[in-house]
Amino acid sequence: MENKDGFLVINKDKGCTSHDCVKQIRKLLNAKKVGHTGTLDPEVIGTLPIAIGSATRFIQYLPQDKTYIGQIKLGIRTNTDDIHGEIINQKNWPEISYEKLDQYLNRFRGIIKQIPPKVSSVHINGERAYKKSFRNEMFELAPREVKIDELTLMKWDQINGIIEIKIKCSAGTYIRAIARDLGEILNSEGCLLQLKRISACGFDEQNSIKISDIEKDKKNSKNFIIPTIFALNHISSFVLRNEEQINFWQTGRAIKVDFNYFNEGKSFDYKKPIKVIDKKQTLLGIGFLNRDQANINPKLVLNAK
């Protein structure tokens, strides 16, 4: 059976849910295990990494930051915090300079707390918030801490009240909430006009493909798949150098380590996950270093015995 483990970087079209993309890939590749690395709203386009086969086990070890380019429309508030929802209020926006607007954006830079949109996938007592919202139930969502690493004001259209931003943020950040809250800070209203994700979990837009590209070239679908190990370049590596170590690893036993190995590699981060490989650069799994016992303990083992 052909090995199809790895990641596909899909350039998602508007109107398609993340789950729809997973279903299509599962069918196209005849793959049992397929999962996305984080929901992208149906109306949002762009980068949607999809894990196939054993790569699904590594999703939690990918970088979690994401980058978007979006437009915010001032003067309008909707029940979904984007332009596709029902308008619940309208208000004039202020006359404001580009420089002053950029200063207001400082409120959203760094670590902030935001209340997610009510039409969102946040869980409330085991149920998604959007389901409660669609039933017109009354409920409140608690503020959540998120991190905005970069927020760049790209354009300001005073006449039409449209702000274009580029934002790099942590997982769980809602750009719709930023649009809503910015409108409020400006003594107006705001909603998300359009949004495109240009990078996610270490994968960029330039490496993405359309699902239609796979449909056209199903026989060579493996050429589109990025091997799992390439998605873990941000993680320090530890090489198992003999069969005994590999056997220990595959049977779930800790591997003794020489701390000189770590001293040589100054970039080695022993507090974080470690990708374990063999001398041929084959990915064997994920481990964590126990400094007290001078061990690497297996956490995720591929081809376990």
C-alpha atoms as a PDB file:
ATOM      1  CA  MET A   1       0.000   0.000   0.000  1.00  0.00           C
ATOM      2  CA  GLU A   2       1.363   3.411  -0.997  1.00  0.00           C
ATOM      3  CA  ASN A   3       2.540   5.569   1.879  1.00  0.00           C
ATOM      4  CA  LYS A   4       0.527   8.774   1.999  1.00  0.00           C
ATOM      5  CA  ASP A   5       1.581  10.079   5.398  1.00  0.00           C
ATOM      6  CA  GLY A   6       2.258  13.815   5.546  1.00  0.00           C
ATOM      7  CA  PHE A   7       0.607  17.194   5.045  1.00  0.00           C
ATOM      8  CA  LEU A   8      -1.365  18.735   2.211  1.00  0.00           C
ATOM      9  CA  VAL A   9      -1.572  22.519   2.218  1.00  0.00           C
ATOM     10  CA  ILE A  10      -4.966  23.340   0.734  1.00  0.00           C
ATOM     11  CA  ASN A  11      -5.859  26.773  -0.617  1.00  0.00           C
ATOM     12  CA  LYS A  12      -9.452  26.765   0.580  1.00  0.00           C
ATOM     13  CA  ASP A  13     -12.189  28.436  -1.434  1.00  0.00           C
ATOM     14  CA  LYS A  14     -14.998  30.562   0.006  1.00  0.00           C
ATOM     15  CA  GLY A  15     -18.114  28.650   1.031  1.00  0.00           C
ATOM     16  CA  CYS A  16     -16.283  25.401   1.779  1.00  0.00           C
ATOM     17  CA  THR A  17     -16.004  24.301   5.413  1.00  0.00           C
ATOM     18  CA  SER A  18     -12.807  22.805   6.813  1.00  0.00           C
ATOM     19  CA  HIS A  19     -14.734  19.571   7.356  1.00  0.00           C
ATOM     20  CA  ASP A  20     -15.808  19.576   3.696  1.00  0.00           C
ATOM     21  CA  CYS A  21     -12.136  19.769   2.676  1.00  0.00           C
ATOM     22  CA  VAL A  22     -11.237  16.840   4.931  1.00  0.00           C
ATOM     23  CA  LYS A  23     -14.057  14.739   3.447  1.00  0.00           C
ATOM     24  CA  GLN A  24     -12.963  15.522  -0.109  1.00  0.00           C
ATOM     25  CA  ILE A  25      -9.309  14.686   0.597  1.00  0.00           C
ATOM     26  CA  ARG A  26     -10.267  11.449   2.350  1.00  0.00           C
ATOM     27  CA  LYS A  27     -12.229  10.389  -0.722  1.00  0.00           C
ATOM     28  CA  LEU A  28      -9.679  11.559  -3.298  1.00  0.00           C
ATOM     29  CA  LEU A  29      -6.730   9.835  -1.620  1.00  0.00           C
ATOM     30  CA  ASN A  30      -8.690   6.876  -0.275  1.00  0.00           C
ATOM     31  CA  ALA A  31      -7.162   7.661   3.121  1.00  0.00           C
ATOM     32  CA  LYS A  32      -8.722   6.611   6.419  1.00  0.00           C
ATOM     33  CA  LYS A  33      -6.989   9.110   8.695  1.00  0.00           C
ATOM     34  CA  VAL A  34      -7.371  12.726   7.585  1.00  0.00           C
ATOM     35  CA  GLY A  35      -7.657  15.834   9.770  1.00  0.00           C
ATOM     36  CA  HIS A  36      -7.216  19.596   9.525  1.00  0.00           C
ATOM     37  CA  THR A  37      -4.943  21.620  11.789  1.00  0.00           C
ATOM     38  CA  GLY A  38      -7.560  24.197  12.813  1.00  0.00           C
ATOM     39  CA  THR A  39     -10.954  25.328  11.563  1.00  0.00           C
ATOM     40  CA  LEU A  40     -11.145  28.008   8.899  1.00  0.00           C
ATOM     41  CA  ASP A  41     -14.571  29.684   8.715  1.00  0.00           C
ATOM     42  CA  PRO A  42     -16.543  28.864   5.532  1.00  0.00           C
ATOM     43  CA  GLU A  43     -16.335  32.479   4.279  1.00  0.00           C
ATOM     44  CA  VAL A  44     -12.574  32.704   4.920  1.00  0.00           C
ATOM     45  CA  ILE A  45     -10.228  31.695   2.108  1.00  0.00           C
ATOM     46  CA  GLY A  46      -6.617  30.589   2.126  1.00  0.00           C
ATOM     47  CA  THR A  47      -4.188  28.250   3.832  1.00  0.00           C
ATOM     48  CA  LEU A  48      -5.650  25.108   5.398  1.00  0.00           C
ATOM     49  CA  PRO A  49      -3.025  22.447   6.269  1.00  0.00           C
ATOM     50  CA  ILE A  50      -4.473  18.927   6.251  1.00  0.00           C
ATOM     51  CA  ALA A  51      -2.775  15.953   7.905  1.00  0.00           C
ATOM     52  CA  ILE A  52      -2.905  12.509   6.321  1.00  0.00           C
ATOM     53  CA  GLY A  53      -2.229   9.134   7.926  1.00  0.00           C
ATOM     54  CA  SER A  54       0.243   9.145  10.815  1.00  0.00           C
ATOM     55  CA  ALA A  55       0.746  12.911  10.337  1.00  0.00           C
ATOM     56  CA  THR A  56      -2.550  13.403  12.209  1.00  0.00           C
ATOM     57  CA  ARG A  57      -0.689  12.381  15.379  1.00  0.00           C
ATOM     58  CA  PHE A  58       1.767  15.276  14.974  1.00  0.00           C
ATOM     59  CA  ILE A  59      -0.737  18.145  14.603  1.00  0.00           C
ATOM     60  CA  GLN A  60      -0.273  19.240  18.233  1.00  0.00           C
ATOM     61  CA  TYR A  61       3.486  19.607  17.660  1.00  0.00           C
ATOM     62  CA  LEU A  62       3.191  22.040  14.729  1.00  0.00           C
ATOM     63  CA  PRO A  63       3.775  25.781  15.219  1.00  0.00           C
ATOM     64  CA  GLN A  64       0.463  27.274  16.303  1.00  0.00           C
ATOM     65  CA  ASP A  65       0.713  30.835  14.954  1.00  0.00           C
ATOM     66  CA  LYS A  66      -1.300  31.967  11.935  1.00  0.00           C
ATOM     67  CA  THR A  67      -1.151  34.984   9.629  1.00  0.00           C
ATOM     68  CA  TYR A  68      -4.089  36.717   7.949  1.00  0.00           C
ATOM     69  CA  ILE A  69      -4.816  39.628   5.656  1.00  0.00           C
ATOM     70  CA  GLY A  70      -8.251  41.044   6.313  1.00  0.00           C
ATOM     71  CA  GLN A  71     -10.562  43.975   5.762  1.00  0.00           C
ATOM     72  CA  ILE A  72     -12.681  45.552   8.503  1.00  0.00           C
ATOM     73  CA  LYS A  73     -15.815  47.522   7.624  1.00  0.00           C
ATOM     74  CA  LEU A  74     -16.625  50.280  10.079  1.00  0.00           C
ATOM     75  CA  GLY A  75     -20.150  51.519  10.723  1.00  0.00           C
ATOM     76  CA  ILE A  76     -21.843  48.108  10.757  1.00  0.00           C
ATOM     77  CA  ARG A  77     -22.360  45.535  13.508  1.00  0.00           C
ATOM     78  CA  THR A  78     -23.801  42.091  12.804  1.00  0.00           C
ATOM     79  CA  ASN A  79     -24.815  39.105  14.908  1.00  0.00           C
ATOM     80  CA  THR A  80     -21.866  37.107  13.524  1.00  0.00           C
ATOM     81  CA  ASP A  81     -19.301  39.945  13.668  1.00  0.00           C
ATOM     82  CA  ASP A  82     -18.727  39.598   9.923  1.00  0.00           C
ATOM     83  CA  ILE A  83     -20.445  41.076   6.879  1.00  0.00           C
ATOM     84  CA  HIS A  84     -22.404  37.857   6.232  1.00  0.00           C
ATOM     85  CA  GLY A  85     -24.491  38.139   9.409  1.00  0.00           C
ATOM     86  CA  GLU A  86     -27.677  39.989  10.219  1.00  0.00           C
ATOM     87  CA  ILE A  87     -27.113  43.719  10.715  1.00  0.00           C
ATOM     88  CA  ILE A  88     -28.010  44.673  14.292  1.00  0.00           C
ATOM     89  CA  ASN A  89     -26.696  48.251  14.369  1.00  0.00           C
ATOM     90  CA  GLN A  90     -25.243  50.948  12.116  1.00  0.00           C
ATOM     91  CA  LYS A  91     -23.318  54.050  13.117  1.00  0.00           C
ATOM     92  CA  ASN A  92     -21.108  56.671  11.474  1.00  0.00           C
ATOM     93  CA  TRP A  93     -17.357  56.185  11.744  1.00  0.00           C
ATOM     94  CA  PRO A  94     -15.032  58.992  12.801  1.00  0.00           C
ATOM     95  CA  GLU A  95     -12.800  61.041  10.550  1.00  0.00           C
ATOM     96  CA  ILE A  96      -9.392  59.817  11.609  1.00  0.00           C
ATOM     97  CA  SER A  97      -5.850  59.919  10.236  1.00  0.00           C
ATOM     98  CA  TYR A  98      -3.875  56.820   9.247  1.00  0.00           C
ATOM     99  CA  GLU A  99      -1.403  57.545  12.077  1.00  0.00           C
ATOM    100  CA  LYS A 100      -4.103  57.935  14.722  1.00  0.00           C
ATOM    101  CA  LEU A 101      -5.857  54.750  13.562  1.00  0.00           C
ATOM    102  CA  ASP A 102      -2.562  52.885  13.837  1.00  0.00           C
ATOM    103  CA  GLN A 103      -2.260  54.117  17.430  1.00  0.00           C
ATOM    104  CA  TYR A 104      -5.701  52.675  18.224  1.00  0.00           C
ATOM    105  CA  LEU A 105      -4.495  49.328  16.895  1.00  0.00           C
ATOM    106  CA  ASN A 106      -1.959  49.268  19.761  1.00  0.00           C
ATOM    107  CA  ARG A 107      -4.895  48.103  21.903  1.00  0.00           C
ATOM    108  CA  PHE A 108      -4.760  44.830  19.982  1.00  0.00           C
ATOM    109  CA  ARG A 109      -1.000  44.251  19.905  1.00  0.00           C
ATOM    110  CA  GLY A 110       0.682  41.816  22.289  1.00  0.00           C
ATOM    111  CA  ILE A 111      -1.251  39.635  24.734  1.00  0.00           C
ATOM    112  CA  ILE A 112      -4.900  40.694  24.855  1.00  0.00           C
ATOM    113  CA  LYS A 113      -8.219  39.339  26.083  1.00  0.00           C
ATOM    114  CA  GLN A 114     -11.081  39.029  23.627  1.00  0.00           C
ATOM    115  CA  ILE A 115     -14.632  37.705  23.777  1.00  0.00           C
ATOM    116  CA  PRO A 116     -15.171  35.249  20.889  1.00  0.00           C
ATOM    117  CA  PRO A 117     -18.079  35.855  18.495  1.00  0.00           C
ATOM    118  CA  LYS A 118     -21.289  34.145  19.550  1.00  0.00           C
ATOM    119  CA  VAL A 119     -21.355  32.440  16.165  1.00  0.00           C
ATOM    120  CA  SER A 120     -18.135  30.497  16.758  1.00  0.00           C
ATOM    121  CA  SER A 121     -16.913  26.982  17.457  1.00  0.00           C
ATOM    122  CA  VAL A 122     -16.181  27.713  21.139  1.00  0.00           C
ATOM    123  CA  HIS A 123     -17.598  25.031  23.441  1.00  0.00           C
ATOM    124  CA  ILE A 124     -20.229  25.866  26.068  1.00  0.00           C
ATOM    125  CA  ASN A 125     -21.098  22.894  28.276  1.00  0.00           C
ATOM    126  CA  GLY A 126     -20.101  20.506  25.509  1.00  0.00           C
ATOM    127  CA  GLU A 127     -21.959  22.301  22.715  1.00  0.00           C
ATOM    128  CA  ARG A 128     -20.643  24.701  20.072  1.00  0.00           C
ATOM    129  CA  ALA A 129     -21.616  28.333  20.636  1.00  0.00           C
ATOM    130  CA  TYR A 130     -22.888  28.763  17.070  1.00  0.00           C
ATOM    131  CA  LYS A 131     -25.542  26.082  17.643  1.00  0.00           C
ATOM    132  CA  LYS A 132     -26.891  27.962  20.640  1.00  0.00           C
ATOM    133  CA  SER A 133     -26.761  31.195  18.661  1.00  0.00           C
ATOM    134  CA  PHE A 134     -28.730  29.710  15.753  1.00  0.00           C
ATOM    135  CA  ARG A 135     -31.441  28.703  18.269  1.00  0.00           C
ATOM    136  CA  ASN A 136     -31.493  32.324  19.510  1.00  0.00           C
ATOM    137  CA  GLU A 137     -30.500  31.221  23.016  1.00  0.00           C
ATOM    138  CA  MET A 138     -29.198  33.834  25.439  1.00  0.00           C
ATOM    139  CA  PHE A 139     -25.660  33.142  26.666  1.00  0.00           C
ATOM    140  CA  GLU A 140     -22.380  34.882  27.406  1.00  0.00           C
ATOM    141  CA  LEU A 141     -18.857  33.878  26.424  1.00  0.00           C
ATOM    142  CA  ALA A 142     -15.928  34.469  28.754  1.00  0.00           C
ATOM    143  CA  PRO A 143     -12.947  36.540  27.558  1.00  0.00           C
ATOM    144  CA  ARG A 144      -9.994  34.487  26.338  1.00  0.00           C
ATOM    145  CA  GLU A 145      -6.335  35.418  26.285  1.00  0.00           C
ATOM    146  CA  VAL A 146      -4.725  35.469  22.838  1.00  0.00           C
ATOM    147  CA  LYS A 147      -1.422  36.770  21.509  1.00  0.00           C
ATOM    148  CA  ILE A 148      -1.064  39.183  18.603  1.00  0.00           C
ATOM    149  CA  ASP A 149       2.570  38.971  17.482  1.00  0.00           C
ATOM    150  CA  GLU A 150       2.241  41.429  14.601  1.00  0.00           C
ATOM    151  CA  LEU A 151      -0.535  43.798  13.537  1.00  0.00           C
ATOM    152  CA  THR A 152       0.155  46.007  10.526  1.00  0.00           C
ATOM    153  CA  LEU A 153      -2.178  48.677   9.202  1.00  0.00           C
ATOM    154  CA  MET A 154      -1.916  48.253   5.441  1.00  0.00           C
ATOM    155  CA  LYS A 155      -4.646  50.592   4.120  1.00  0.00           C
ATOM    156  CA  TRP A 156      -7.223  53.021   5.478  1.00  0.00           C
ATOM    157  CA  ASP A 157     -10.137  54.019   3.225  1.00  0.00           C
ATOM    158  CA  GLN A 158     -11.731  56.948   5.085  1.00  0.00           C
ATOM    159  CA  ILE A 159     -14.516  57.432   2.514  1.00  0.00           C
ATOM    160  CA  ASN A 160     -15.813  53.843   2.689  1.00  0.00           C
ATOM    161  CA  GLY A 161     -14.731  53.102   6.252  1.00  0.00           C
ATOM    162  CA  ILE A 162     -12.613  50.088   5.266  1.00  0.00           C
ATOM    163  CA  ILE A 163      -9.445  49.131   7.124  1.00  0.00           C
ATOM    164  CA  GLU A 164      -7.007  46.562   5.715  1.00  0.00           C
ATOM    165  CA  ILE A 165      -4.710  44.808   8.188  1.00  0.00           C
ATOM    166  CA  LYS A 166      -2.125  42.055   8.271  1.00  0.00           C
ATOM    167  CA  ILE A 167      -2.086  40.098  11.503  1.00  0.00           C
ATOM    168  CA  LYS A 168       0.062  37.300  12.908  1.00  0.00           C
ATOM    169  CA  CYS A 169      -1.547  35.730  15.948  1.00  0.00           C
ATOM    170  CA  SER A 170      -1.843  32.713  18.184  1.00  0.00           C
ATOM    171  CA  ALA A 171      -4.305  29.886  17.627  1.00  0.00           C
ATOM    172  CA  GLY A 172      -7.771  30.720  18.926  1.00  0.00           C
ATOM    173  CA  THR A 173      -7.660  34.385  17.885  1.00  0.00           C
ATOM    174  CA  TYR A 174     -10.839  35.667  16.241  1.00  0.00           C
ATOM    175  CA  ILE A 175     -10.238  38.435  13.696  1.00  0.00           C
ATOM    176  CA  ARG A 176     -14.010  39.007  13.701  1.00  0.00           C
ATOM    177  CA  ALA A 177     -13.765  39.923  17.387  1.00  0.00           C
ATOM    178  CA  ILE A 178     -10.993  42.417  16.621  1.00  0.00           C
ATOM    179  CA  ALA A 179     -13.193  44.003  13.922  1.00  0.00           C
ATOM    180  CA  ARG A 180     -16.111  44.263  16.358  1.00  0.00           C
ATOM    181  CA  ASP A 181     -14.003  45.643  19.221  1.00  0.00           C
ATOM    182  CA  LEU A 182     -12.123  48.133  17.045  1.00  0.00           C
ATOM    183  CA  GLY A 183     -15.436  49.566  15.862  1.00  0.00           C
ATOM    184  CA  GLU A 184     -16.500  50.002  19.489  1.00  0.00           C
ATOM    185  CA  ILE A 185     -13.210  51.666  20.495  1.00  0.00           C
ATOM    186  CA  LEU A 186     -13.665  54.145  17.626  1.00  0.00           C
ATOM    187  CA  ASN A 187     -17.167  54.978  18.951  1.00  0.00           C
ATOM    188  CA  SER A 188     -18.648  53.323  15.882  1.00  0.00           C
ATOM    189  CA  GLU A 189     -19.363  49.741  14.911  1.00  0.00           C
ATOM    190  CA  GLY A 190     -17.249  47.218  13.034  1.00  0.00           C
ATOM    191  CA  CYS A 191     -17.413  43.856  11.330  1.00  0.00           C
ATOM    192  CA  LEU A 192     -15.091  41.708   9.267  1.00  0.00           C
ATOM    193  CA  LEU A 193     -15.539  42.373   5.551  1.00  0.00           C
ATOM    194  CA  GLN A 194     -13.242  39.685   4.171  1.00  0.00           C
ATOM    195  CA  LEU A 195     -10.380  37.503   5.368  1.00  0.00           C
ATOM    196  CA  LYS A 196      -7.608  35.423   3.864  1.00  0.00           C
ATOM    197  CA  ARG A 197      -5.219  33.200   5.816  1.00  0.00           C
ATOM    198  CA  ILE A 198      -1.771  33.332   4.227  1.00  0.00           C
ATOM    199  CA  SER A 199       0.042  31.020   6.642  1.00  0.00           C
ATOM    200  CA  ALA A 200      -0.837  28.473   9.317  1.00  0.00           C
ATOM    201  CA  CYS A 201       1.101  26.020  11.481  1.00  0.00           C
ATOM    202  CA  GLY A 202       4.364  26.628   9.606  1.00  0.00           C
ATOM    203  CA  PHE A 203       2.833  26.284   6.126  1.00  0.00           C
ATOM    204  CA  ASP A 204       2.578  29.201   3.689  1.00  0.00           C
ATOM    205  CA  GLU A 205       0.174  30.214   0.954  1.00  0.00           C
ATOM    206  CA  GLN A 206       2.851  29.816  -1.767  1.00  0.00           C
ATOM    207  CA  ASN A 207       3.051  26.084  -0.999  1.00  0.00           C
ATOM    208  CA  SER A 208      -0.723  25.585  -1.129  1.00  0.00           C
ATOM    209  CA  ILE A 209      -2.797  23.892  -3.811  1.00  0.00           C
ATOM    210  CA  LYS A 210      -6.459  23.771  -4.758  1.00  0.00           C
ATOM    211  CA  ILE A 211      -8.402  20.560  -4.215  1.00  0.00           C
ATOM    212  CA  SER A 212      -9.177  20.741  -7.947  1.00  0.00           C
ATOM    213  CA  ASP A 213      -5.417  20.374  -8.625  1.00  0.00           C
ATOM    214  CA  ILE A 214      -5.467  17.019  -6.847  1.00  0.00           C
ATOM    215  CA  GLU A 215      -8.603  15.947  -8.713  1.00  0.00           C
ATOM    216  CA  LYS A 216      -6.873  16.655 -12.027  1.00  0.00           C
ATOM    217  CA  ASP A 217      -3.762  14.659 -11.099  1.00  0.00           C
ATOM    218  CA  LYS A 218      -4.915  11.943  -8.690  1.00  0.00           C
ATOM    219  CA  LYS A 219      -2.287   9.467  -9.924  1.00  0.00           C
ATOM    220  CA  ASN A 220       0.487  11.772  -8.755  1.00  0.00           C
ATOM    221  CA  SER A 221      -1.229  12.959  -5.573  1.00  0.00           C
ATOM    222  CA  LYS A 222       1.769  11.843  -3.485  1.00  0.00           C
ATOM    223  CA  ASN A 223       3.780  14.662  -5.125  1.00  0.00           C
ATOM    224  CA  PHE A 224       1.577  17.194  -3.334  1.00  0.00           C
ATOM    225  CA  ILE A 225       2.167  15.683   0.109  1.00  0.00           C
ATOM    226  CA  ILE A 226       4.790  17.284   2.366  1.00  0.00           C
ATOM    227  CA  PRO A 227       6.560  14.638   4.515  1.00  0.00           C
ATOM    228  CA  THR A 228       5.791  14.998   8.224  1.00  0.00           C
ATOM    229  CA  ILE A 229       9.435  15.539   9.180  1.00  0.00           C
ATOM    230  CA  PHE A 230       9.581  18.742   7.085  1.00  0.00           C
ATOM    231  CA  ALA A 231       6.701  20.147   9.143  1.00  0.00           C
ATOM    232  CA  LEU A 232       8.778  19.697  12.307  1.00  0.00           C
ATOM    233  CA  ASN A 233      11.810  21.790  11.335  1.00  0.00           C
ATOM    234  CA  HIS A 234      11.135  24.083  14.295  1.00  0.00           C
ATOM    235  CA  ILE A 235      11.676  21.186  16.745  1.00  0.00           C
ATOM    236  CA  SER A 236      15.122  20.079  17.927  1.00  0.00           C
ATOM    237  CA  SER A 237      16.279  16.643  16.705  1.00  0.00           C
ATOM    238  CA  PHE A 238      17.859  13.693  18.459  1.00  0.00           C
ATOM    239  CA  VAL A 239      19.462  10.921  16.385  1.00  0.00           C
ATOM    240  CA  LEU A 240      19.278   7.261  17.404  1.00  0.00           C
ATOM    241  CA  ARG A 241      22.602   5.856  16.204  1.00  0.00           C
ATOM    242  CA  ASN A 242      22.280   2.066  16.535  1.00  0.00           C
ATOM    243  CA  GLU A 243      19.773  -0.781  16.361  1.00  0.00           C
ATOM    244  CA  GLU A 244      19.679  -1.215  20.128  1.00  0.00           C
ATOM    245  CA  GLN A 245      18.535   2.382  20.623  1.00  0.00           C
ATOM    246  CA  ILE A 246      15.951   2.032  17.852  1.00  0.00           C
ATOM    247  CA  ASN A 247      14.626  -1.186  19.400  1.00  0.00           C
ATOM    248  CA  PHE A 248      14.392   0.504  22.801  1.00  0.00           C
ATOM    249  CA  TRP A 249      12.511   3.375  21.203  1.00  0.00           C
ATOM    250  CA  GLN A 250      10.058   1.186  19.275  1.00  0.00           C
ATOM    251  CA  THR A 251       9.261  -0.788  22.410  1.00  0.00           C
ATOM    252  CA  GLY A 252       8.515   2.396  24.368  1.00  0.00           C
ATOM    253  CA  ARG A 253      11.610   2.446  26.537  1.00  0.00           C
ATOM    254  CA  ALA A 254      13.601   5.529  27.534  1.00  0.00           C
ATOM    255  CA  ILE A 255      16.859   6.264  25.704  1.00  0.00           C
ATOM    256  CA  LYS A 256      19.949   7.189  27.733  1.00  0.00           C
ATOM    257  CA  VAL A 257      21.548  10.395  26.500  1.00  0.00           C
ATOM    258  CA  ASP A 258      24.972  12.004  26.727  1.00  0.00           C
ATOM    259  CA  PHE A 259      24.594  15.609  27.864  1.00  0.00           C
ATOM    260  CA  ASN A 260      27.651  16.563  25.794  1.00  0.00           C
ATOM    261  CA  TYR A 261      25.341  16.036  22.816  1.00  0.00           C
ATOM    262  CA  PHE A 262      23.116  18.850  24.037  1.00  0.00           C
ATOM    263  CA  ASN A 263      25.989  21.128  24.940  1.00  0.00           C
ATOM    264  CA  GLU A 264      27.285  20.886  21.371  1.00  0.00           C
ATOM    265  CA  GLY A 265      23.927  21.924  19.932  1.00  0.00           C
ATOM    266  CA  LYS A 266      23.377  25.382  21.400  1.00  0.00           C
ATOM    267  CA  SER A 267      19.995  25.724  19.705  1.00  0.00           C
ATOM    268  CA  PHE A 268      18.682  22.596  21.410  1.00  0.00           C
ATOM    269  CA  ASP A 269      15.617  23.320  23.549  1.00  0.00           C
ATOM    270  CA  TYR A 270      15.315  20.489  26.048  1.00  0.00           C
ATOM    271  CA  LYS A 271      12.093  21.851  27.591  1.00  0.00           C
ATOM    272  CA  LYS A 272      10.117  21.340  24.388  1.00  0.00           C
ATOM    273  CA  PRO A 273       9.224  18.254  22.323  1.00  0.00           C
ATOM    274  CA  ILE A 274      12.123  16.547  20.547  1.00  0.00           C
ATOM    275  CA  LYS A 275      11.780  14.836  17.187  1.00  0.00           C
ATOM    276  CA  VAL A 276      13.584  11.521  17.243  1.00  0.00           C
ATOM    277  CA  ILE A 277      15.151  10.346  13.970  1.00  0.00           C
ATOM    278  CA  ASP A 278      17.603   7.706  12.745  1.00  0.00           C
ATOM    279  CA  LYS A 279      20.852   8.241  10.838  1.00  0.00           C
ATOM    280  CA  LYS A 280      18.920   8.230   7.541  1.00  0.00           C
ATOM    281  CA  GLN A 281      16.778  11.138   8.761  1.00  0.00           C
ATOM    282  CA  THR A 282      13.707   8.901   9.104  1.00  0.00           C
ATOM    283  CA  LEU A 283      11.196  10.242  11.601  1.00  0.00           C
ATOM    284  CA  LEU A 284      10.703   7.822  14.506  1.00  0.00           C
ATOM    285  CA  GLY A 285       8.524   9.904  16.808  1.00  0.00           C
ATOM    286  CA  ILE A 286       8.440  12.566  19.512  1.00  0.00           C
ATOM    287  CA  GLY A 287      10.101  12.435  22.908  1.00  0.00           C
ATOM    288  CA  PHE A 288      10.792  14.623  25.934  1.00  0.00           C
ATOM    289  CA  LEU A 289      14.083  14.991  27.780  1.00  0.00           C
ATOM    290  CA  ASN A 290      14.268  14.073  31.465  1.00  0.00           C
ATOM    291  CA  ARG A 291      17.384  15.893  32.611  1.00  0.00           C
ATOM    292  CA  ASP A 292      17.368  14.313  36.084  1.00  0.00           C
ATOM    293  CA  GLN A 293      17.520  10.794  34.670  1.00  0.00           C
ATOM    294  CA  ALA A 294      19.494  11.737  31.519  1.00  0.00           C
ATOM    295  CA  ASN A 295      16.816  10.072  29.390  1.00  0.00           C
ATOM    296  CA  ILE A 296      14.692  10.856  26.385  1.00  0.00           C
ATOM    297  CA  ASN A 297      11.262   9.429  27.151  1.00  0.00           C
ATOM    298  CA  PRO A 298       9.027   8.363  24.249  1.00  0.00           C
ATOM    299  CA  LYS A 299       5.810  10.317  23.848  1.00  0.00           C
ATOM    300  CA  LEU A 300       4.785   9.419  20.286  1.00  0.00           C
ATOM    301  CA  VAL A 301       6.311   6.316  18.683  1.00  0.00           C
ATOM    302  CA  LEU A 302       5.913   5.464  15.014  1.00  0.00           C
ATOM    303  CA  ASN A 303       6.026   1.740  14.105  1.00  0.00           C
ATOM    304  CA  ALA A 304       5.812   0.710  17.752  1.00  0.00           C
ATOM    305  CA  LYS A 305       6.445  -2.963  18.489  1.00  0.00           C
END
